[in-house]
């Protein structure tokens, strides 16, 4: 497993003025690798919008883990959850608002929108994805607990701990 980066190191890697990103060893990475990582994560979010669980096999590594929901391990778990999520929330849409990416990490700020009880609900969150061998292998997500509950979601591991 790769050593976690400090917040400063992550910030430096996602400097939007750069024409390239740096790898773990400080070497330059082509922008195409960062774009490929970002595209992979966007495809992951689209899976939740459409309910196409088979996308999990395309985008998630065999040992994928969502650290906010540690019961979600591997593509099979996401493959079974995505259609159920879409059926329960057919009007829900996840929109990626901001992306910072390199070949190994993708950081996003995203917004979830749906109607609940006739009222529009909007929840903003953030997620960090680690990419390995062209697939998402780890995910850390955060949606403020009170917002997630308004959306009808269970609290994340982080919210339950605090």
N, C-alpha and C. Protein backbone atom coordinates (compact mmCIF):
# COMPACT_ATOMS: atom_id res chain seq x y z
N UNK A 1 0.84 -1.17 0.00
CA UNK A 1 0.00 0.00 0.00
C UNK A 1 0.89 1.24 0.00
N UNK A 2 0.49 2.24 -0.74
CA UNK A 2 1.22 3.49 -0.83
C UNK A 2 1.07 4.28 0.46
N UNK A 3 2.16 4.93 0.88
CA UNK A 3 2.10 5.78 2.08
C UNK A 3 1.19 6.97 1.81
N UNK A 4 0.33 7.35 2.77
CA UNK A 4 -0.53 8.51 2.56
C UNK A 4 0.29 9.79 2.45
N UNK A 5 -0.21 10.71 1.67
CA UNK A 5 0.46 11.99 1.48
C UNK A 5 -0.05 13.00 2.49
N UNK A 6 0.81 13.92 2.86
CA UNK A 6 0.39 15.01 3.73
C UNK A 6 -0.53 15.94 2.93
N UNK A 7 -1.38 16.73 3.61
CA UNK A 7 -2.23 17.68 2.88
C UNK A 7 -1.41 18.62 1.99
N UNK A 8 -0.25 19.06 2.47
CA UNK A 8 0.58 19.96 1.65
C UNK A 8 1.07 19.25 0.39
N UNK A 9 1.51 18.00 0.55
CA UNK A 9 1.98 17.25 -0.62
C UNK A 9 0.86 17.04 -1.63
N UNK A 10 -0.36 16.75 -1.13
CA UNK A 10 -1.49 16.61 -2.04
C UNK A 10 -1.76 17.91 -2.77
N UNK A 11 -1.75 19.04 -2.03
CA UNK A 11 -1.99 20.33 -2.64
C UNK A 11 -0.97 20.60 -3.75
N UNK A 12 0.29 20.32 -3.46
CA UNK A 12 1.33 20.56 -4.45
C UNK A 12 1.13 19.68 -5.68
N UNK A 13 0.67 18.46 -5.49
CA UNK A 13 0.45 17.56 -6.62
C UNK A 13 -0.70 18.02 -7.49
N UNK A 14 -1.69 18.72 -6.90
CA UNK A 14 -2.86 19.14 -7.64
C UNK A 14 -2.83 20.62 -8.01
N UNK A 15 -1.65 21.21 -8.05
CA UNK A 15 -1.50 22.60 -8.45
C UNK A 15 -2.07 22.76 -9.85
N UNK A 16 -3.18 23.51 -9.97
CA UNK A 16 -3.88 23.60 -11.25
C UNK A 16 -3.10 24.37 -12.30
N UNK A 17 -2.07 25.09 -11.94
CA UNK A 17 -1.28 25.81 -12.92
C UNK A 17 -0.24 24.93 -13.60
N UNK A 18 -0.06 23.74 -13.11
CA UNK A 18 0.97 22.86 -13.67
C UNK A 18 0.53 22.26 -14.99
N UNK A 19 1.48 22.04 -15.89
CA UNK A 19 1.21 21.36 -17.14
C UNK A 19 1.42 19.86 -16.99
N UNK A 20 1.91 19.46 -15.85
CA UNK A 20 2.08 18.04 -15.52
C UNK A 20 1.91 17.88 -14.02
N UNK A 21 1.79 16.68 -13.59
CA UNK A 21 1.71 16.39 -12.17
C UNK A 21 2.95 15.60 -11.79
N UNK A 22 3.20 15.47 -10.51
CA UNK A 22 4.37 14.71 -10.10
C UNK A 22 3.96 13.38 -9.52
N UNK A 23 4.76 12.37 -9.78
CA UNK A 23 4.53 11.04 -9.24
C UNK A 23 5.04 10.95 -7.82
N UNK A 24 4.84 9.81 -7.16
CA UNK A 24 5.29 9.64 -5.78
C UNK A 24 6.77 9.89 -5.59
N UNK A 25 7.57 9.67 -6.63
CA UNK A 25 9.01 9.88 -6.51
C UNK A 25 9.42 11.29 -6.94
N UNK A 26 8.45 12.15 -7.26
CA UNK A 26 8.75 13.52 -7.67
C UNK A 26 8.94 13.69 -9.16
N UNK A 27 8.92 12.60 -9.92
CA UNK A 27 9.11 12.70 -11.37
C UNK A 27 7.83 13.22 -12.02
N UNK A 28 7.99 13.85 -13.17
CA UNK A 28 6.85 14.42 -13.87
C UNK A 28 6.00 13.31 -14.49
N UNK A 29 4.69 13.50 -14.41
CA UNK A 29 3.75 12.59 -15.05
C UNK A 29 3.03 13.36 -16.15
N UNK A 30 2.81 12.74 -17.29
CA UNK A 30 2.06 13.43 -18.35
C UNK A 30 0.65 13.75 -17.90
N UNK A 31 0.13 14.85 -18.38
CA UNK A 31 -1.23 15.27 -18.04
C UNK A 31 -2.24 14.22 -18.47
N UNK A 32 -1.94 13.45 -19.51
CA UNK A 32 -2.86 12.41 -19.99
C UNK A 32 -3.16 11.39 -18.90
N UNK A 33 -2.19 11.06 -18.08
CA UNK A 33 -2.42 10.09 -16.99
C UNK A 33 -3.38 10.68 -15.95
N UNK A 34 -3.23 11.95 -15.64
CA UNK A 34 -4.14 12.61 -14.70
C UNK A 34 -5.55 12.64 -15.27
N UNK A 35 -5.67 12.95 -16.56
CA UNK A 35 -6.98 12.99 -17.19
C UNK A 35 -7.63 11.61 -17.22
N UNK A 36 -6.83 10.56 -17.44
CA UNK A 36 -7.37 9.20 -17.43
C UNK A 36 -7.91 8.84 -16.04
N UNK A 37 -7.19 9.24 -15.00
CA UNK A 37 -7.65 8.99 -13.63
C UNK A 37 -8.95 9.73 -13.35
N UNK A 38 -9.02 10.99 -13.77
CA UNK A 38 -10.23 11.79 -13.55
C UNK A 38 -11.42 11.19 -14.31
N UNK A 39 -11.18 10.72 -15.53
CA UNK A 39 -12.25 10.10 -16.33
C UNK A 39 -12.77 8.84 -15.65
N UNK A 40 -11.88 8.07 -15.07
CA UNK A 40 -12.26 6.86 -14.35
C UNK A 40 -13.21 7.20 -13.20
N UNK A 41 -12.89 8.23 -12.44
CA UNK A 41 -13.72 8.63 -11.30
C UNK A 41 -15.06 9.20 -11.78
N UNK A 42 -15.05 9.97 -12.86
CA UNK A 42 -16.32 10.47 -13.39
C UNK A 42 -17.23 9.31 -13.81
N UNK A 43 -16.63 8.29 -14.40
CA UNK A 43 -17.39 7.10 -14.80
C UNK A 43 -17.98 6.41 -13.56
N UNK A 44 -17.24 6.38 -12.48
CA UNK A 44 -17.73 5.82 -11.21
C UNK A 44 -18.98 6.57 -10.75
N UNK A 45 -18.94 7.90 -10.76
CA UNK A 45 -20.10 8.68 -10.34
C UNK A 45 -21.28 8.44 -11.27
N UNK A 46 -21.01 8.30 -12.55
CA UNK A 46 -22.09 8.05 -13.51
C UNK A 46 -22.78 6.71 -13.22
N UNK A 47 -22.02 5.73 -12.71
CA UNK A 47 -22.61 4.45 -12.34
C UNK A 47 -23.75 4.65 -11.34
N UNK A 48 -23.57 5.55 -10.39
CA UNK A 48 -24.61 5.80 -9.38
C UNK A 48 -25.79 6.54 -9.99
N UNK A 49 -25.53 7.40 -10.98
CA UNK A 49 -26.62 8.13 -11.64
C UNK A 49 -27.51 7.22 -12.48
N UNK A 50 -26.92 6.21 -13.09
CA UNK A 50 -27.66 5.34 -14.00
C UNK A 50 -28.10 4.02 -13.36
N UNK A 51 -27.44 3.63 -12.29
CA UNK A 51 -27.73 2.34 -11.68
C UNK A 51 -27.09 1.17 -12.39
N UNK A 52 -26.20 1.44 -13.34
CA UNK A 52 -25.52 0.38 -14.09
C UNK A 52 -24.41 -0.23 -13.23
N UNK A 53 -24.76 -1.22 -12.45
CA UNK A 53 -23.80 -1.84 -11.55
C UNK A 53 -22.63 -2.51 -12.24
N UNK A 54 -22.80 -2.92 -13.49
CA UNK A 54 -21.70 -3.59 -14.20
C UNK A 54 -20.51 -2.66 -14.44
N UNK A 55 -20.75 -1.35 -14.33
CA UNK A 55 -19.64 -0.39 -14.47
C UNK A 55 -18.60 -0.63 -13.37
N UNK A 56 -19.04 -1.14 -12.23
CA UNK A 56 -18.11 -1.41 -11.13
C UNK A 56 -16.98 -2.32 -11.58
N UNK A 57 -17.29 -3.29 -12.44
CA UNK A 57 -16.26 -4.21 -12.92
C UNK A 57 -15.23 -3.50 -13.79
N UNK A 58 -15.63 -2.40 -14.43
CA UNK A 58 -14.74 -1.63 -15.30
C UNK A 58 -13.84 -0.67 -14.52
N UNK A 59 -14.38 -0.10 -13.44
CA UNK A 59 -13.68 1.02 -12.79
C UNK A 59 -13.07 0.68 -11.43
N UNK A 60 -13.51 -0.39 -10.79
CA UNK A 60 -13.03 -0.71 -9.44
C UNK A 60 -12.07 -1.89 -9.46
N UNK A 61 -10.99 -1.76 -8.70
CA UNK A 61 -10.04 -2.85 -8.55
C UNK A 61 -10.63 -3.97 -7.71
N UNK A 62 -10.05 -5.14 -7.82
CA UNK A 62 -10.60 -6.31 -7.12
C UNK A 62 -10.58 -6.16 -5.60
N UNK A 63 -9.69 -5.32 -5.08
CA UNK A 63 -9.61 -5.11 -3.62
C UNK A 63 -10.08 -3.72 -3.21
N UNK A 64 -10.94 -3.12 -4.04
CA UNK A 64 -11.50 -1.80 -3.77
C UNK A 64 -12.12 -1.75 -2.39
N UNK A 65 -11.90 -0.65 -1.69
CA UNK A 65 -12.57 -0.42 -0.40
C UNK A 65 -12.97 1.05 -0.31
N UNK A 66 -14.19 1.27 0.19
CA UNK A 66 -14.69 2.61 0.47
C UNK A 66 -14.54 2.79 1.98
N UNK A 67 -13.59 3.60 2.39
CA UNK A 67 -13.29 3.74 3.82
C UNK A 67 -14.42 4.40 4.61
N UNK A 68 -15.30 5.14 3.95
CA UNK A 68 -16.45 5.73 4.65
C UNK A 68 -17.50 4.67 4.95
N UNK A 69 -17.59 3.68 4.09
CA UNK A 69 -18.54 2.57 4.25
C UNK A 69 -17.74 1.28 4.11
N UNK A 70 -17.04 0.86 5.15
CA UNK A 70 -16.09 -0.26 5.04
C UNK A 70 -16.71 -1.60 4.68
N UNK A 71 -18.04 -1.70 4.68
CA UNK A 71 -18.67 -2.93 4.23
C UNK A 71 -18.65 -3.05 2.70
N UNK A 72 -18.37 -1.94 2.03
CA UNK A 72 -18.32 -1.94 0.56
C UNK A 72 -16.89 -2.29 0.14
N UNK A 73 -16.69 -3.57 -0.16
CA UNK A 73 -15.37 -4.06 -0.54
C UNK A 73 -15.49 -4.78 -1.88
N UNK A 74 -14.69 -4.35 -2.84
CA UNK A 74 -14.66 -5.01 -4.13
C UNK A 74 -15.78 -4.59 -5.06
N UNK A 75 -15.60 -4.86 -6.35
CA UNK A 75 -16.60 -4.48 -7.34
C UNK A 75 -17.96 -5.15 -7.12
N UNK A 76 -17.97 -6.37 -6.60
CA UNK A 76 -19.23 -7.08 -6.43
C UNK A 76 -20.18 -6.32 -5.50
N UNK A 77 -19.65 -5.74 -4.43
CA UNK A 77 -20.50 -4.98 -3.51
C UNK A 77 -21.11 -3.77 -4.20
N UNK A 78 -20.29 -2.99 -4.90
CA UNK A 78 -20.81 -1.81 -5.61
C UNK A 78 -21.75 -2.23 -6.73
N UNK A 79 -21.42 -3.32 -7.41
CA UNK A 79 -22.27 -3.82 -8.51
C UNK A 79 -23.68 -4.12 -8.01
N UNK A 80 -23.80 -4.66 -6.79
CA UNK A 80 -25.13 -4.97 -6.26
C UNK A 80 -25.82 -3.75 -5.65
N UNK A 81 -25.04 -2.81 -5.13
CA UNK A 81 -25.63 -1.64 -4.47
C UNK A 81 -26.11 -0.59 -5.48
N UNK A 82 -25.38 -0.37 -6.56
CA UNK A 82 -25.72 0.71 -7.51
C UNK A 82 -27.15 0.60 -8.05
N UNK A 83 -27.61 -0.56 -8.51
CA UNK A 83 -29.00 -0.62 -9.00
C UNK A 83 -30.03 -0.39 -7.89
N UNK A 84 -29.72 -0.86 -6.69
CA UNK A 84 -30.66 -0.66 -5.57
C UNK A 84 -30.71 0.82 -5.19
N UNK A 85 -29.55 1.48 -5.19
CA UNK A 85 -29.50 2.91 -4.90
C UNK A 85 -30.34 3.67 -5.93
N UNK A 86 -30.14 3.34 -7.21
CA UNK A 86 -30.86 4.04 -8.28
C UNK A 86 -32.37 3.81 -8.19
N UNK A 87 -32.75 2.59 -7.83
CA UNK A 87 -34.18 2.28 -7.70
C UNK A 87 -34.79 3.06 -6.52
N UNK A 88 -34.06 3.15 -5.42
CA UNK A 88 -34.54 3.88 -4.24
C UNK A 88 -34.53 5.39 -4.45
N UNK A 89 -33.62 5.88 -5.28
CA UNK A 89 -33.45 7.32 -5.52
C UNK A 89 -33.38 7.58 -7.03
N UNK A 90 -34.46 7.31 -7.80
CA UNK A 90 -34.37 7.41 -9.26
C UNK A 90 -34.07 8.81 -9.79
N UNK A 91 -34.41 9.83 -9.02
CA UNK A 91 -34.15 11.19 -9.49
C UNK A 91 -32.84 11.76 -8.95
N UNK A 92 -32.10 10.97 -8.18
CA UNK A 92 -30.83 11.46 -7.61
C UNK A 92 -29.78 11.61 -8.70
N UNK A 93 -29.02 12.69 -8.62
CA UNK A 93 -27.94 12.94 -9.57
C UNK A 93 -26.71 13.38 -8.80
N UNK A 94 -25.59 12.75 -9.09
CA UNK A 94 -24.31 13.13 -8.51
C UNK A 94 -23.55 13.90 -9.59
N UNK A 95 -23.14 15.09 -9.24
CA UNK A 95 -22.41 15.94 -10.17
C UNK A 95 -21.03 16.22 -9.60
N UNK A 96 -20.01 15.97 -10.39
CA UNK A 96 -18.64 16.29 -10.00
C UNK A 96 -18.44 17.77 -10.30
N UNK A 97 -18.17 18.55 -9.26
CA UNK A 97 -18.04 20.00 -9.40
C UNK A 97 -16.59 20.42 -9.64
N UNK A 98 -15.67 19.85 -8.88
CA UNK A 98 -14.26 20.21 -8.96
C UNK A 98 -13.45 18.92 -8.95
N UNK A 99 -12.43 18.84 -9.80
CA UNK A 99 -11.56 17.67 -9.86
C UNK A 99 -10.11 18.11 -9.82
N UNK A 100 -9.33 17.45 -8.99
CA UNK A 100 -7.88 17.58 -9.00
C UNK A 100 -7.34 16.17 -9.15
N UNK A 101 -6.47 15.95 -10.11
CA UNK A 101 -6.06 14.56 -10.38
C UNK A 101 -4.62 14.46 -10.81
N UNK A 102 -4.05 13.31 -10.49
CA UNK A 102 -2.81 12.87 -11.11
C UNK A 102 -3.00 11.39 -11.41
N UNK A 103 -1.96 10.68 -11.73
CA UNK A 103 -2.12 9.28 -12.10
C UNK A 103 -2.57 8.42 -10.92
N UNK A 104 -2.22 8.80 -9.69
CA UNK A 104 -2.51 7.95 -8.54
C UNK A 104 -3.68 8.42 -7.67
N UNK A 105 -3.93 9.70 -7.62
CA UNK A 105 -5.00 10.23 -6.76
C UNK A 105 -5.92 11.14 -7.54
N UNK A 106 -7.21 11.09 -7.20
CA UNK A 106 -8.20 12.01 -7.73
C UNK A 106 -8.99 12.55 -6.54
N UNK A 107 -9.02 13.87 -6.43
CA UNK A 107 -9.80 14.53 -5.38
C UNK A 107 -10.97 15.25 -6.05
N UNK A 108 -12.16 15.10 -5.49
CA UNK A 108 -13.33 15.75 -6.07
C UNK A 108 -14.17 16.41 -4.99
N UNK A 109 -14.84 17.47 -5.41
CA UNK A 109 -15.96 18.01 -4.64
C UNK A 109 -17.17 17.73 -5.50
N UNK A 110 -18.15 17.09 -4.90
CA UNK A 110 -19.32 16.71 -5.67
C UNK A 110 -20.60 17.14 -4.96
N UNK A 111 -21.67 17.18 -5.73
CA UNK A 111 -22.97 17.57 -5.21
C UNK A 111 -23.98 16.50 -5.58
N UNK A 112 -24.80 16.12 -4.62
CA UNK A 112 -25.89 15.16 -4.82
C UNK A 112 -27.19 15.95 -4.78
N UNK A 113 -28.02 15.73 -5.77
CA UNK A 113 -29.30 16.44 -5.81
C UNK A 113 -30.42 15.44 -6.03
N UNK A 114 -31.54 15.67 -5.34
CA UNK A 114 -32.74 14.86 -5.53
C UNK A 114 -33.91 15.56 -4.88
N UNK A 115 -35.08 14.97 -5.03
CA UNK A 115 -36.26 15.47 -4.35
C UNK A 115 -36.58 14.48 -3.24
N UNK A 116 -36.94 14.99 -2.10
CA UNK A 116 -37.31 14.14 -0.96
C UNK A 116 -38.51 14.78 -0.28
N UNK A 117 -39.60 14.05 -0.25
CA UNK A 117 -40.83 14.60 0.34
C UNK A 117 -41.30 15.83 -0.39
N UNK A 118 -41.08 15.88 -1.71
CA UNK A 118 -41.51 17.01 -2.52
C UNK A 118 -40.54 18.19 -2.54
N UNK A 119 -39.57 18.18 -1.66
CA UNK A 119 -38.62 19.29 -1.57
C UNK A 119 -37.29 18.91 -2.23
N UNK A 120 -36.67 19.89 -2.85
CA UNK A 120 -35.34 19.67 -3.44
C UNK A 120 -34.32 19.57 -2.32
N UNK A 121 -33.45 18.57 -2.42
CA UNK A 121 -32.39 18.38 -1.44
C UNK A 121 -31.07 18.39 -2.18
N UNK A 122 -30.11 19.10 -1.64
CA UNK A 122 -28.78 19.19 -2.22
C UNK A 122 -27.75 18.94 -1.13
N UNK A 123 -26.83 18.04 -1.40
CA UNK A 123 -25.80 17.69 -0.44
C UNK A 123 -24.45 17.79 -1.13
N UNK A 124 -23.53 18.56 -0.55
CA UNK A 124 -22.18 18.66 -1.10
C UNK A 124 -21.23 17.84 -0.26
N UNK A 125 -20.29 17.21 -0.92
CA UNK A 125 -19.31 16.39 -0.23
C UNK A 125 -17.98 16.43 -0.94
N UNK A 126 -17.07 15.65 -0.41
CA UNK A 126 -15.74 15.56 -1.01
C UNK A 126 -15.31 14.11 -0.96
N UNK A 127 -14.46 13.74 -1.90
CA UNK A 127 -13.95 12.37 -1.93
C UNK A 127 -12.53 12.38 -2.48
N UNK A 128 -11.76 11.44 -1.99
CA UNK A 128 -10.41 11.21 -2.49
C UNK A 128 -10.36 9.76 -2.94
N UNK A 129 -9.89 9.55 -4.15
CA UNK A 129 -9.78 8.22 -4.73
C UNK A 129 -8.32 7.91 -4.98
N UNK A 130 -7.91 6.68 -4.70
CA UNK A 130 -6.57 6.22 -5.08
C UNK A 130 -6.72 5.26 -6.24
N UNK A 131 -5.90 5.48 -7.26
CA UNK A 131 -5.94 4.69 -8.48
C UNK A 131 -4.74 3.75 -8.49
N UNK A 132 -4.97 2.50 -8.87
CA UNK A 132 -3.89 1.52 -9.01
C UNK A 132 -4.20 0.59 -10.17
N UNK A 133 -3.23 0.40 -11.03
CA UNK A 133 -3.40 -0.47 -12.21
C UNK A 133 -4.63 -0.10 -13.03
N UNK A 134 -4.88 1.21 -13.17
CA UNK A 134 -5.97 1.68 -14.02
C UNK A 134 -7.36 1.51 -13.43
N UNK A 135 -7.46 1.26 -12.13
CA UNK A 135 -8.75 1.09 -11.46
C UNK A 135 -8.75 1.85 -10.14
N UNK A 136 -9.94 2.15 -9.65
CA UNK A 136 -10.07 2.75 -8.32
C UNK A 136 -9.87 1.65 -7.29
N UNK A 137 -8.92 1.85 -6.38
CA UNK A 137 -8.65 0.83 -5.37
C UNK A 137 -9.03 1.26 -3.95
N UNK A 138 -9.10 2.57 -3.71
CA UNK A 138 -9.52 3.07 -2.41
C UNK A 138 -10.30 4.36 -2.59
N UNK A 139 -11.23 4.57 -1.66
CA UNK A 139 -12.03 5.79 -1.67
C UNK A 139 -12.26 6.26 -0.25
N UNK A 140 -12.11 7.56 -0.04
CA UNK A 140 -12.44 8.21 1.22
C UNK A 140 -13.47 9.28 0.87
N UNK A 141 -14.67 9.19 1.43
CA UNK A 141 -15.73 10.15 1.13
C UNK A 141 -16.16 10.85 2.40
N UNK A 142 -16.62 12.07 2.23
CA UNK A 142 -17.16 12.79 3.36
C UNK A 142 -18.32 13.64 2.90
N UNK A 143 -19.45 13.40 3.52
CA UNK A 143 -20.64 14.24 3.38
C UNK A 143 -21.04 14.60 4.79
N UNK A 144 -21.17 15.87 5.11
CA UNK A 144 -21.54 16.23 6.48
C UNK A 144 -22.75 15.43 6.93
N UNK A 145 -22.67 14.84 8.13
CA UNK A 145 -23.70 13.94 8.64
C UNK A 145 -25.11 14.48 8.52
N UNK A 146 -25.31 15.73 8.90
CA UNK A 146 -26.67 16.28 8.86
C UNK A 146 -27.17 16.37 7.43
N UNK A 147 -26.27 16.69 6.48
CA UNK A 147 -26.68 16.75 5.08
C UNK A 147 -26.99 15.36 4.55
N UNK A 148 -26.16 14.38 4.89
CA UNK A 148 -26.37 13.02 4.42
C UNK A 148 -27.71 12.48 4.92
N UNK A 149 -28.05 12.79 6.15
CA UNK A 149 -29.33 12.33 6.70
C UNK A 149 -30.50 12.98 5.97
N UNK A 150 -30.36 14.25 5.58
CA UNK A 150 -31.41 14.92 4.80
C UNK A 150 -31.62 14.21 3.47
N UNK A 151 -30.54 13.65 2.94
CA UNK A 151 -30.61 12.95 1.66
C UNK A 151 -31.18 11.55 1.84
N UNK A 152 -31.19 11.08 3.10
CA UNK A 152 -31.70 9.74 3.37
C UNK A 152 -30.62 8.69 3.41
N UNK A 153 -29.37 9.11 3.64
CA UNK A 153 -28.23 8.19 3.68
C UNK A 153 -27.82 7.92 5.12
N UNK A 154 -27.24 6.76 5.36
CA UNK A 154 -26.68 6.51 6.70
C UNK A 154 -25.43 7.36 6.91
N UNK A 155 -25.10 7.58 8.15
CA UNK A 155 -23.86 8.30 8.46
C UNK A 155 -22.66 7.49 8.00
N UNK A 156 -21.59 8.19 7.64
CA UNK A 156 -20.36 7.53 7.26
C UNK A 156 -19.63 7.08 8.51
N UNK A 157 -18.59 6.30 8.32
CA UNK A 157 -17.76 5.84 9.43
C UNK A 157 -17.21 7.04 10.20
N UNK A 158 -16.79 8.09 9.48
CA UNK A 158 -16.25 9.29 10.11
C UNK A 158 -17.29 9.97 10.99
N UNK A 159 -18.54 10.09 10.50
CA UNK A 159 -19.59 10.72 11.29
C UNK A 159 -19.94 9.89 12.52
N UNK A 160 -19.95 8.56 12.37
CA UNK A 160 -20.29 7.69 13.50
C UNK A 160 -19.24 7.76 14.59
N UNK A 161 -17.98 7.96 14.19
CA UNK A 161 -16.89 8.01 15.17
C UNK A 161 -16.93 9.29 15.98
N UNK A 162 -17.41 10.38 15.39
CA UNK A 162 -17.39 11.68 16.07
C UNK A 162 -18.65 11.93 16.73
